[in-house]
Amino acid sequence: MPSTDQLTAQLDRLASTDTGPFPVLSLYLNLQANEHGREQFAPFLKKELSDRISTYPASGPERESLEKDGEKIRAYVDTVDKAVNGLAVFACSGADLFEAVPLAAPIDRHRLYISDHPHLYLLARLLEQHPRYAALLADTHSARIFVFAANAVERTEEIENTKTKHHKRGGWSQARYQRHTENVHVQHVKEVVDALARIVREEQIPTVLVSSDEVVKPLLREHMPKELRDRVVETSSLDIRTPQHEVLATTLAALREQDAATDRERADALIGAYRGNGLAAVGVDAVKRAFELGQVDELMIAASPQALGAKAGKAKDGAADAGAAGQRERTPQERAADELIVQARNTSAKVRFIEDPALLAPVGGVGAFLRFKL
């Protein structure tokens, strides 16, 4: 499975791709097996590839390029590891383009687009939904540290120290043993904090999810340096022996809950900056102009393209998905969303997807914080 850095590099390469007159095939597949353990993508792939390619003139260079794309995709899908949950493929034989993106993260449904550029909105959103972060599980004598990214584990580290025993004597002996136990716990916590800080520094981790028992929790807070403490999101207590997949699911859910709260703060800040004639632009057209001038620092866009304003432009390409019968026209909002993502990747602007469409509804579903004003 590719690392986050590899996925980011692929996304950047695709955003800068120019295929000239040749059409680009963008395919998203859900490779998860159904309840009977059977793959579900084969009928979609067989029908949609053939049907969509057949709409091009039989003797034209576009048709020839797409036919080769179809052959490459069919051959590649047969080689994909069974552990892969989602797959994105971008192909244009006429321009010597074939980028396959196997993912541990699931894709909700199959989609196929043929257009003049790769459709990257879905891939960019998927990577943001499964960000890189660290998770710490700790008790009084052991700890497990994980680095998760793109719905997979990238790194693990375990710490095991002396387990203190319960002492039943009273008086002076009991007090001395209690001090000894507390010292053991403090030394353990210091070792855990040092290891976590090292991993956060080496891996450039922006967020740390922490789950600890009631004894260790205040000690972690006390001994964490501020730069590490500021990255911490506390989550429900997980047993130190919790299976890795459950740690991933629980911490990812907590991270998304935290993101939902900060989404509102950032959306309010954006609208406030726009109202005060500050460093903000809102609406598809205004944000596009800001990108052209190199002003955009952070793009904020609704997690559903359909939430974008109606003035997004005319649709020029088609799309097929598993949830619709036959073909449908790609909406202006979908096309605008793709264009904005490409512009963000090509100008090193940050991208934040806002899951609640109501937060950006007053500004047409999209806005941007600017680097400077003209």
Protein backbone atom coordinates (compact mmCIF):
# COMPACT_ATOMS: atom_id res chain seq x y z
CA MET A 1 0.00 0.00 0.00
CA PRO A 2 1.46 3.42 -0.89
CA SER A 3 2.49 5.77 1.91
CA THR A 4 0.92 9.18 2.49
CA ASP A 5 3.93 10.86 0.89
CA GLN A 6 3.59 8.67 -2.20
CA LEU A 7 -0.14 9.37 -2.45
CA THR A 8 0.48 13.11 -2.11
CA ALA A 9 3.13 12.95 -4.83
CA GLN A 10 0.71 11.10 -7.14
CA LEU A 11 -1.99 13.69 -6.51
CA ASP A 12 0.42 16.51 -7.33
CA ARG A 13 1.60 14.80 -10.52
CA LEU A 14 -1.97 14.29 -11.67
CA ALA A 15 -2.91 17.90 -10.89
CA SER A 16 -0.14 19.13 -13.19
CA THR A 17 -0.94 16.68 -15.99
CA ASP A 18 -1.63 18.05 -19.47
CA THR A 19 -2.91 15.39 -21.88
CA GLY A 20 -3.45 17.75 -24.80
CA PRO A 21 -6.27 16.66 -27.13
CA PHE A 22 -6.61 13.16 -25.65
CA PRO A 23 -9.36 12.29 -23.13
CA VAL A 24 -8.48 11.14 -19.61
CA LEU A 25 -10.23 8.18 -18.04
CA SER A 26 -10.74 8.55 -14.26
CA LEU A 27 -12.00 5.43 -12.52
CA TYR A 28 -12.90 4.90 -8.85
CA LEU A 29 -13.70 1.36 -7.67
CA ASN A 30 -14.94 -0.04 -4.37
CA LEU A 31 -12.96 -3.30 -4.08
CA GLN A 32 -14.51 -4.47 -0.82
CA ALA A 33 -16.15 -7.88 -0.98
CA ASN A 34 -19.86 -8.24 -0.32
CA GLU A 35 -21.39 -10.23 2.53
CA HIS A 36 -20.67 -13.44 0.59
CA GLY A 37 -17.00 -12.58 0.09
CA ARG A 38 -17.43 -11.86 -3.61
CA GLU A 39 -16.03 -8.88 -5.51
CA GLN A 40 -18.66 -6.41 -6.70
CA PHE A 41 -16.86 -4.25 -9.26
CA ALA A 42 -16.51 -6.59 -12.24
CA PRO A 43 -20.00 -6.03 -13.79
CA PHE A 44 -19.62 -2.25 -13.49
CA LEU A 45 -16.15 -2.28 -15.01
CA LYS A 46 -17.15 -4.54 -17.90
CA LYS A 47 -20.28 -2.60 -18.84
CA GLU A 48 -19.28 0.99 -18.21
CA LEU A 49 -15.85 0.86 -19.82
CA SER A 50 -17.26 -0.62 -23.03
CA ASP A 51 -20.33 1.61 -23.13
CA ARG A 52 -18.46 4.84 -22.49
CA ILE A 53 -15.60 4.13 -24.90
CA SER A 54 -18.06 3.16 -27.65
CA THR A 55 -19.43 6.73 -27.73
CA TYR A 56 -16.22 7.90 -29.46
CA PRO A 57 -15.77 7.56 -33.28
CA ALA A 58 -14.32 4.14 -34.11
CA SER A 59 -11.48 5.44 -36.27
CA GLY A 60 -10.43 8.45 -34.18
CA PRO A 61 -7.26 8.86 -32.06
CA GLU A 62 -9.37 9.44 -28.94
CA ARG A 63 -11.05 6.05 -29.35
CA GLU A 64 -7.70 4.35 -29.93
CA SER A 65 -6.27 5.92 -26.78
CA LEU A 66 -9.29 4.91 -24.69
CA GLU A 67 -9.28 1.34 -26.01
CA LYS A 68 -5.68 1.00 -24.81
CA ASP A 69 -6.67 2.53 -21.48
CA GLY A 70 -9.41 -0.06 -21.08
CA GLU A 71 -7.00 -2.92 -21.79
CA LYS A 72 -4.46 -1.61 -19.29
CA ILE A 73 -7.09 -1.14 -16.59
CA ARG A 74 -8.56 -4.63 -17.01
CA ALA A 75 -5.07 -6.16 -16.84
CA TYR A 76 -4.08 -4.09 -13.81
CA VAL A 77 -7.23 -4.80 -11.77
CA ASP A 78 -6.51 -8.52 -12.00
CA THR A 79 -3.18 -7.97 -10.20
CA VAL A 80 -4.45 -5.85 -7.29
CA ASP A 81 -3.80 -7.23 -3.82
CA LYS A 82 -6.89 -8.55 -2.01
CA ALA A 83 -6.09 -6.29 0.96
CA VAL A 84 -6.86 -3.20 -1.14
CA ASN A 85 -10.27 -1.68 -0.32
CA GLY A 86 -10.41 1.10 -2.91
CA LEU A 87 -8.77 1.82 -6.23
CA ALA A 88 -8.42 4.98 -8.28
CA VAL A 89 -6.99 4.82 -11.81
CA PHE A 90 -6.19 7.71 -14.14
CA ALA A 91 -5.28 6.76 -17.70
CA CYS A 92 -4.59 8.41 -21.03
CA SER A 93 -2.53 6.27 -23.40
CA GLY A 94 -2.34 9.06 -25.97
CA ALA A 95 -0.39 11.13 -23.42
CA ASP A 96 1.46 8.16 -21.84
CA LEU A 97 -0.45 8.51 -18.55
CA PHE A 98 -1.30 5.60 -16.27
CA GLU A 99 -1.51 6.28 -12.53
CA ALA A 100 -3.02 3.60 -10.31
CA VAL A 101 -3.74 4.46 -6.66
CA PRO A 102 -4.49 1.39 -4.48
CA LEU A 103 -6.02 2.39 -1.16
CA ALA A 104 -6.59 0.84 2.24
CA ALA A 105 -9.37 3.42 2.63
CA PRO A 106 -12.71 2.33 1.14
CA ILE A 107 -14.43 4.10 -1.73
CA ASP A 108 -18.18 4.32 -1.22
CA ARG A 109 -19.21 3.47 -4.79
CA HIS A 110 -17.90 2.95 -8.32
CA ARG A 111 -17.48 5.99 -10.56
CA LEU A 112 -16.17 6.49 -14.08
CA TYR A 113 -15.39 9.79 -15.81
CA ILE A 114 -13.96 10.55 -19.24
CA SER A 115 -12.93 14.15 -19.62
CA ASP A 116 -10.13 16.52 -20.61
CA HIS A 117 -8.31 16.22 -17.25
CA PRO A 118 -8.13 13.82 -14.29
CA HIS A 119 -10.95 14.17 -11.76
CA LEU A 120 -9.16 14.53 -8.45
CA TYR A 121 -11.81 15.90 -6.07
CA LEU A 122 -12.77 12.43 -4.81
CA LEU A 123 -9.15 11.36 -4.25
CA ALA A 124 -8.25 14.59 -2.45
CA ARG A 125 -11.28 14.27 -0.17
CA LEU A 126 -10.49 10.63 0.56
CA LEU A 127 -6.98 11.52 1.69
CA GLU A 128 -8.30 14.27 3.95
CA GLN A 129 -10.86 11.89 5.47
CA HIS A 130 -8.03 9.52 6.42
CA PRO A 131 -5.21 11.86 7.51
CA ARG A 132 -1.88 11.05 9.05
CA TYR A 133 -1.94 11.07 12.85
CA ALA A 134 -0.51 9.29 15.88
CA ALA A 135 -2.40 7.32 18.51
CA LEU A 136 -1.18 6.50 22.01
CA LEU A 137 -2.61 3.84 24.32
CA ALA A 138 -1.07 3.88 27.80
CA ASP A 139 -1.48 2.46 31.27
CA THR A 140 0.82 2.48 34.32
CA HIS A 141 3.44 0.09 32.89
CA SER A 142 2.93 -0.25 29.13
CA ALA A 143 2.19 1.82 26.05
CA ARG A 144 1.53 1.35 22.36
CA ILE A 145 2.13 4.10 19.80
CA PHE A 146 0.73 3.96 16.27
CA VAL A 147 1.12 6.17 13.23
CA PHE A 148 -1.94 5.85 10.98
CA ALA A 149 -2.39 7.30 7.50
CA ALA A 150 -4.80 6.65 4.62
CA ASN A 151 -6.64 4.07 6.76
CA ALA A 152 -3.52 1.95 7.35
CA VAL A 153 -0.79 1.69 9.97
CA GLU A 154 2.59 3.13 8.95
CA ARG A 155 4.52 2.67 12.19
CA THR A 156 4.17 1.09 15.61
CA GLU A 157 6.20 1.18 18.81
CA GLU A 158 5.64 -0.55 22.16
CA ILE A 159 6.98 0.28 25.62
CA GLU A 160 6.89 -2.18 28.51
CA ASN A 161 8.09 -1.37 32.03
CA THR A 162 7.91 -2.94 35.49
CA LYS A 163 4.39 -3.65 36.68
CA THR A 164 3.92 -2.57 40.30
CA LYS A 165 2.09 -4.89 42.68
CA HIS A 166 -0.62 -3.93 45.16
CA HIS A 167 0.83 -3.56 48.68
CA LYS A 168 -1.54 -4.29 51.59
CA ARG A 169 0.58 -3.16 54.55
CA GLY A 170 -0.28 0.05 56.40
CA GLY A 171 1.56 2.88 58.09
CA TRP A 172 5.06 4.03 57.18
CA SER A 173 5.75 1.00 55.01
CA GLN A 174 2.62 1.64 52.97
CA ALA A 175 3.53 5.32 52.45
CA ARG A 176 7.04 4.44 51.32
CA TYR A 177 5.74 1.85 48.89
CA GLN A 178 3.21 4.35 47.56
CA ARG A 179 6.02 6.82 46.85
CA HIS A 180 7.97 4.07 45.13
CA THR A 181 4.95 3.20 42.97
CA GLU A 182 4.41 6.83 42.02
CA ASN A 183 8.07 7.18 41.04
CA VAL A 184 7.83 4.08 38.86
CA HIS A 185 4.76 5.50 37.13
CA VAL A 186 6.44 8.85 36.56
CA GLN A 187 9.53 7.25 35.03
CA HIS A 188 7.30 5.16 32.76
CA VAL A 189 5.35 8.22 31.65
CA LYS A 190 8.54 10.16 30.93
CA GLU A 191 9.78 7.33 28.72
CA VAL A 192 6.44 7.22 26.90
CA VAL A 193 6.38 10.99 26.38
CA ASP A 194 9.96 10.98 25.07
CA ALA A 195 9.15 8.21 22.59
CA LEU A 196 5.95 9.93 21.45
CA ALA A 197 7.69 13.29 21.03
CA ARG A 198 10.42 11.65 18.96
CA ILE A 199 7.91 9.96 16.65
CA VAL A 200 5.85 13.14 16.26
CA ARG A 201 9.01 15.05 15.37
CA GLU A 202 10.38 12.43 12.96
CA GLU A 203 7.05 11.80 11.24
CA GLN A 204 5.87 15.44 11.36
CA ILE A 205 2.59 14.41 12.96
CA PRO A 206 0.04 17.23 13.39
CA THR A 207 -2.41 15.42 15.70
CA VAL A 208 -2.08 12.83 18.47
CA LEU A 209 -5.04 10.82 19.77
CA VAL A 210 -4.47 9.73 23.39
CA SER A 211 -6.30 7.04 25.34
CA SER A 212 -5.04 6.29 28.86
CA ASP A 213 -6.25 5.03 32.22
CA GLU A 214 -7.16 7.40 35.04
CA VAL A 215 -3.82 7.00 36.83
CA VAL A 216 -1.67 7.82 33.82
CA LYS A 217 -3.84 10.56 32.32
CA PRO A 218 -2.82 13.41 34.69
CA LEU A 219 0.83 12.31 34.54
CA LEU A 220 0.83 12.50 30.75
CA ARG A 221 -0.63 16.01 30.87
CA GLU A 222 1.96 17.07 33.42
CA HIS A 223 5.03 15.75 31.62
CA MET A 224 4.15 16.49 27.99
CA PRO A 225 5.92 19.57 26.59
CA LYS A 226 3.54 22.28 25.38
CA GLU A 227 4.28 21.71 21.68
CA LEU A 228 3.20 18.09 22.08
CA ARG A 229 0.27 18.79 24.43
CA ASP A 230 -1.17 21.27 21.92
CA ARG A 231 -1.51 18.43 19.37
CA VAL A 232 -3.39 16.06 21.69
CA VAL A 233 -7.01 15.01 21.28
CA GLU A 234 -8.20 12.78 24.12
CA THR A 235 -10.49 9.89 23.25
CA SER A 236 -12.46 7.26 25.12
CA SER A 237 -10.41 4.85 27.18
CA LEU A 238 -9.20 1.87 25.17
CA ASP A 239 -7.74 -1.22 26.77
CA ILE A 240 -4.01 -1.50 26.13
CA ARG A 241 -4.67 -4.84 24.38
CA THR A 242 -7.25 -3.44 21.95
CA PRO A 243 -6.70 -4.90 18.44
CA GLN A 244 -5.05 -2.57 15.97
CA HIS A 245 -8.07 -2.32 13.65
CA GLU A 246 -10.27 -1.26 16.58
CA VAL A 247 -7.72 1.35 17.63
CA LEU A 248 -7.80 2.76 14.09
CA ALA A 249 -11.61 2.83 13.93
CA THR A 250 -12.06 4.42 17.37
CA THR A 251 -9.36 7.06 17.00
CA LEU A 252 -10.43 7.97 13.46
CA ALA A 253 -14.00 8.51 14.69
CA ALA A 254 -12.70 10.76 17.49
CA LEU A 255 -10.56 12.69 15.02
CA ARG A 256 -13.55 13.31 12.76
CA GLU A 257 -15.61 14.49 15.71
CA GLN A 258 -12.85 16.96 16.54
CA ASP A 259 -12.68 18.07 12.90
CA ALA A 260 -16.42 18.74 12.87
CA ALA A 261 -16.00 21.20 15.75
CA THR A 262 -13.07 22.97 14.11
CA ASP A 263 -14.91 23.02 10.76
CA ARG A 264 -17.49 25.34 12.32
CA GLU A 265 -14.79 27.57 13.77
CA ARG A 266 -12.97 27.87 10.44
CA ALA A 267 -16.18 28.44 8.47
CA ASP A 268 -17.23 31.20 10.88
CA ALA A 269 -13.76 32.76 10.60
CA LEU A 270 -13.95 32.68 6.80
CA ILE A 271 -17.36 34.32 6.67
CA GLY A 272 -16.30 36.87 9.28
CA ALA A 273 -13.19 37.78 7.26
CA TYR A 274 -15.29 38.17 4.12
CA ARG A 275 -17.87 40.35 5.88
CA GLY A 276 -15.12 42.57 7.24
CA ASN A 277 -13.46 42.94 3.83
CA GLY A 278 -10.55 40.90 5.11
CA LEU A 279 -8.30 38.25 3.61
CA ALA A 280 -11.08 36.05 2.23
CA ALA A 281 -12.86 35.29 -1.03
CA VAL A 282 -16.14 33.38 -1.35
CA GLY A 283 -18.05 31.77 -4.20
CA VAL A 284 -16.71 29.71 -7.11
CA ASP A 285 -15.92 32.61 -9.45
CA ALA A 286 -14.20 34.78 -6.82
CA VAL A 287 -12.09 31.88 -5.56
CA LYS A 288 -11.04 30.98 -9.10
CA ARG A 289 -9.89 34.56 -9.69
CA ALA A 290 -7.97 34.49 -6.41
CA PHE A 291 -6.20 31.31 -7.53
CA GLU A 292 -5.26 32.93 -10.85
CA LEU A 293 -3.64 35.79 -8.90
CA GLY A 294 -1.81 33.45 -6.51
CA GLN A 295 -3.70 34.78 -3.50
CA VAL A 296 -5.17 31.58 -2.02
CA ASP A 297 -3.61 30.23 1.17
CA GLU A 298 -6.36 27.76 2.14
CA LEU A 299 -9.28 26.50 0.10
CA MET A 300 -12.43 25.61 2.05
CA ILE A 301 -14.89 23.57 0.05
CA ALA A 302 -18.04 21.58 0.80
CA ALA A 303 -17.51 17.83 1.04
CA SER A 304 -20.29 17.34 -1.51
CA PRO A 305 -19.74 19.07 -4.87
CA GLN A 306 -23.50 19.51 -5.22
CA ALA A 307 -23.36 22.09 -2.41
CA LEU A 308 -21.37 24.45 -4.63
CA GLY A 309 -23.18 27.47 -6.04
CA ALA A 310 -25.13 27.20 -9.27
CA LYS A 311 -22.83 29.64 -11.12
CA ALA A 312 -20.13 27.05 -11.57
CA GLY A 313 -20.19 26.95 -15.38
CA LYS A 314 -21.46 24.55 -17.99
CA ALA A 315 -20.92 20.83 -17.83
CA LYS A 316 -18.68 19.43 -20.57
CA ASP A 317 -18.20 15.81 -19.71
CA GLY A 318 -20.16 12.74 -18.66
CA ALA A 319 -20.04 10.44 -15.65
CA ALA A 320 -21.38 7.03 -14.74
CA ASP A 321 -21.77 5.56 -11.25
CA ALA A 322 -23.24 2.49 -9.61
CA GLY A 323 -26.11 4.45 -8.14
CA ALA A 324 -27.60 5.66 -11.41
CA ALA A 325 -29.04 3.90 -14.41
CA GLY A 326 -27.21 4.57 -17.66
CA GLN A 327 -25.23 7.74 -18.17
CA ARG A 328 -25.74 11.17 -16.70
CA GLU A 329 -24.23 14.56 -17.45
CA ARG A 330 -21.51 15.67 -15.09
CA THR A 331 -22.84 18.61 -13.14
CA PRO A 332 -21.33 22.11 -13.27
CA GLN A 333 -20.67 21.82 -9.53
CA GLU A 334 -18.64 18.62 -9.95
CA ARG A 335 -16.53 20.16 -12.68
CA ALA A 336 -15.93 23.35 -10.67
CA ALA A 337 -14.91 21.31 -7.61
CA ASP A 338 -12.31 19.42 -9.65
CA GLU A 339 -10.91 22.63 -11.10
CA LEU A 340 -10.54 24.18 -7.65
CA ILE A 341 -8.74 21.12 -6.28
CA VAL A 342 -6.32 21.14 -9.23
CA GLN A 343 -5.61 24.83 -8.70
CA ALA A 344 -4.97 24.24 -5.00
CA ARG A 345 -2.51 21.41 -5.66
CA ASN A 346 -0.68 23.45 -8.30
CA THR A 347 -0.29 26.48 -6.02
CA SER A 348 0.54 24.64 -2.76
CA ALA A 349 -2.63 25.93 -1.13
CA LYS A 350 -4.05 23.96 1.79
CA VAL A 351 -7.41 22.25 1.23
CA ARG A 352 -10.08 21.72 3.88
CA PHE A 353 -13.28 19.82 3.12
CA ILE A 354 -16.28 20.92 5.20
CA GLU A 355 -18.54 17.96 5.91
CA ASP A 356 -21.63 19.94 7.00
CA PRO A 357 -22.90 21.72 3.85
CA ALA A 358 -24.87 24.22 5.95
CA LEU A 359 -21.64 25.81 7.23
CA LEU A 360 -20.63 27.13 3.80
CA ALA A 361 -24.14 27.47 2.36
CA PRO A 362 -24.20 31.29 2.89
CA VAL A 363 -21.19 31.64 0.56
CA GLY A 364 -22.13 29.13 -2.12
CA GLY A 365 -20.27 26.13 -0.70
CA VAL A 366 -16.73 27.39 -1.25
CA GLY A 367 -14.37 30.05 0.05
CA ALA A 368 -10.70 30.75 0.58
CA PHE A 369 -8.41 32.44 3.04
CA LEU A 370 -6.00 34.70 1.11
CA ARG A 371 -2.30 35.32 1.45
CA PHE A 372 -2.64 38.96 0.51
CA LYS A 373 -5.11 41.54 -0.79
CA LEU A 374 -4.87 43.58 -3.98
